[in-house]
Amino acid sequence: MLTAFVLISCEAARISEVAQAVAELPNVAEVYSVTGEVDIIALLRVSDYDSLDDSVPGGVALIPGVTSTRTVLAFRRYAKRDLEAGFDIGLS
């Protein structure tokens, strides 16, 4: 399973509309409107690179109002539980 973060820039007047359309796409787990250099960040979970191709250039990028996308792939997920276990020295 691949996890990808898609950073989406879009027309300012269409942020909400674009975010809703992205949220309805297959493989999209979460969508956030954000501050900073991009307008929306979408979290995608896909089974393979072909699915990522279908989801980003074949899906997100085609939504009216989207002006650009950048995709960042995750190597590893760290949860609070995982971090705490990493620092556990076995004392109770």
Protein backbone atom coordinates (compact mmCIF):
# COMPACT_ATOMS: atom_id res chain seq x y z
CA MET A 1 0.00 0.00 0.00
CA LEU A 2 1.36 3.42 -0.98
CA THR A 3 0.51 6.59 0.90
CA ALA A 4 0.70 9.83 -1.04
CA PHE A 5 0.12 13.44 -0.09
CA VAL A 6 -1.16 15.51 -3.00
CA LEU A 7 -0.56 19.24 -2.63
CA ILE A 8 -3.15 21.05 -4.71
CA SER A 9 -3.25 24.65 -5.87
CA CYS A 10 -6.52 25.91 -7.26
CA GLU A 11 -8.49 29.01 -8.14
CA ALA A 12 -9.22 30.87 -4.89
CA ALA A 13 -12.95 31.09 -5.50
CA ARG A 14 -13.18 27.32 -6.03
CA ILE A 15 -11.29 25.89 -3.03
CA SER A 16 -14.36 24.41 -1.35
CA GLU A 17 -15.74 23.05 -4.62
CA VAL A 18 -12.40 21.48 -5.55
CA ALA A 19 -11.94 19.99 -2.06
CA GLN A 20 -15.37 18.33 -2.23
CA ALA A 21 -14.66 16.94 -5.69
CA VAL A 22 -11.28 15.56 -4.55
CA ALA A 23 -12.90 13.94 -1.50
CA GLU A 24 -15.24 11.99 -3.77
CA LEU A 25 -12.45 10.42 -5.84
CA PRO A 26 -11.46 6.77 -5.33
CA ASN A 27 -8.39 6.21 -3.13
CA VAL A 28 -8.75 9.57 -1.35
CA ALA A 29 -8.75 9.02 2.42
CA GLU A 30 -8.72 12.62 3.67
CA VAL A 31 -8.81 16.17 2.30
CA TYR A 32 -7.78 19.38 4.06
CA SER A 33 -7.89 23.05 3.13
CA VAL A 34 -4.64 24.55 4.41
CA THR A 35 -2.64 27.73 4.72
CA GLY A 36 0.63 28.30 2.92
CA GLU A 37 1.83 27.76 -0.62
CA VAL A 38 -0.95 25.33 -1.55
CA ASP A 39 -4.70 25.45 -1.00
CA ILE A 40 -5.58 21.79 -0.38
CA ILE A 41 -3.76 18.66 0.77
CA ALA A 42 -5.25 15.26 -0.01
CA LEU A 43 -4.14 12.00 1.58
CA LEU A 44 -4.34 9.08 -0.84
CA ARG A 45 -3.87 5.38 -0.16
CA VAL A 46 -3.28 3.34 -3.30
CA SER A 47 -2.24 -0.23 -3.97
CA ASP A 48 0.31 0.52 -6.71
CA TYR A 49 1.84 3.19 -8.91
CA ASP A 50 -0.72 2.66 -11.68
CA SER A 51 -3.48 3.53 -9.21
CA LEU A 52 -1.55 6.65 -8.24
CA ASP A 53 -1.39 7.61 -11.91
CA ASP A 54 -5.16 7.12 -12.20
CA SER A 55 -5.78 9.17 -9.03
CA VAL A 56 -3.56 12.20 -9.56
CA PRO A 57 -3.03 13.11 -13.23
CA GLY A 58 -6.07 11.05 -14.19
CA GLY A 59 -8.29 12.36 -11.39
CA VAL A 60 -7.27 15.31 -9.19
CA ALA A 61 -5.55 17.27 -11.95
CA LEU A 62 -8.64 17.06 -14.18
CA ILE A 63 -10.99 18.71 -11.67
CA PRO A 64 -12.10 22.14 -12.90
CA GLY A 65 -10.39 24.85 -10.86
CA VAL A 66 -7.20 22.86 -10.11
CA THR A 67 -4.19 24.82 -11.35
CA SER A 68 -1.36 22.51 -10.23
CA THR A 69 -0.52 19.46 -8.12
CA ARG A 70 2.59 18.12 -6.42
CA THR A 71 2.70 14.59 -5.07
CA VAL A 72 4.82 13.44 -2.12
CA LEU A 73 5.13 9.72 -1.38
CA ALA A 74 5.53 8.48 2.18
CA PHE A 75 8.28 6.00 3.06
CA ARG A 76 7.13 5.08 6.55
CA ARG A 77 4.34 6.01 8.97
CA TYR A 78 5.10 6.94 12.55
CA ALA A 79 2.32 6.94 15.11
CA LYS A 80 2.60 8.20 18.67
CA ARG A 81 2.39 4.60 19.84
CA ASP A 82 5.32 3.65 17.57
CA LEU A 83 7.45 6.54 18.80
CA GLU A 84 6.76 5.73 22.44
CA ALA A 85 7.74 2.09 21.86
CA GLY A 86 10.98 3.21 20.26
CA PHE A 87 11.98 5.03 23.44
CA ASP A 88 10.82 2.30 25.84
CA ILE A 89 13.75 0.87 27.78
CA GLY A 90 11.67 -1.85 29.40
CA LEU A 91 11.13 -0.32 32.83
CA SER A 92 7.70 -0.62 34.38
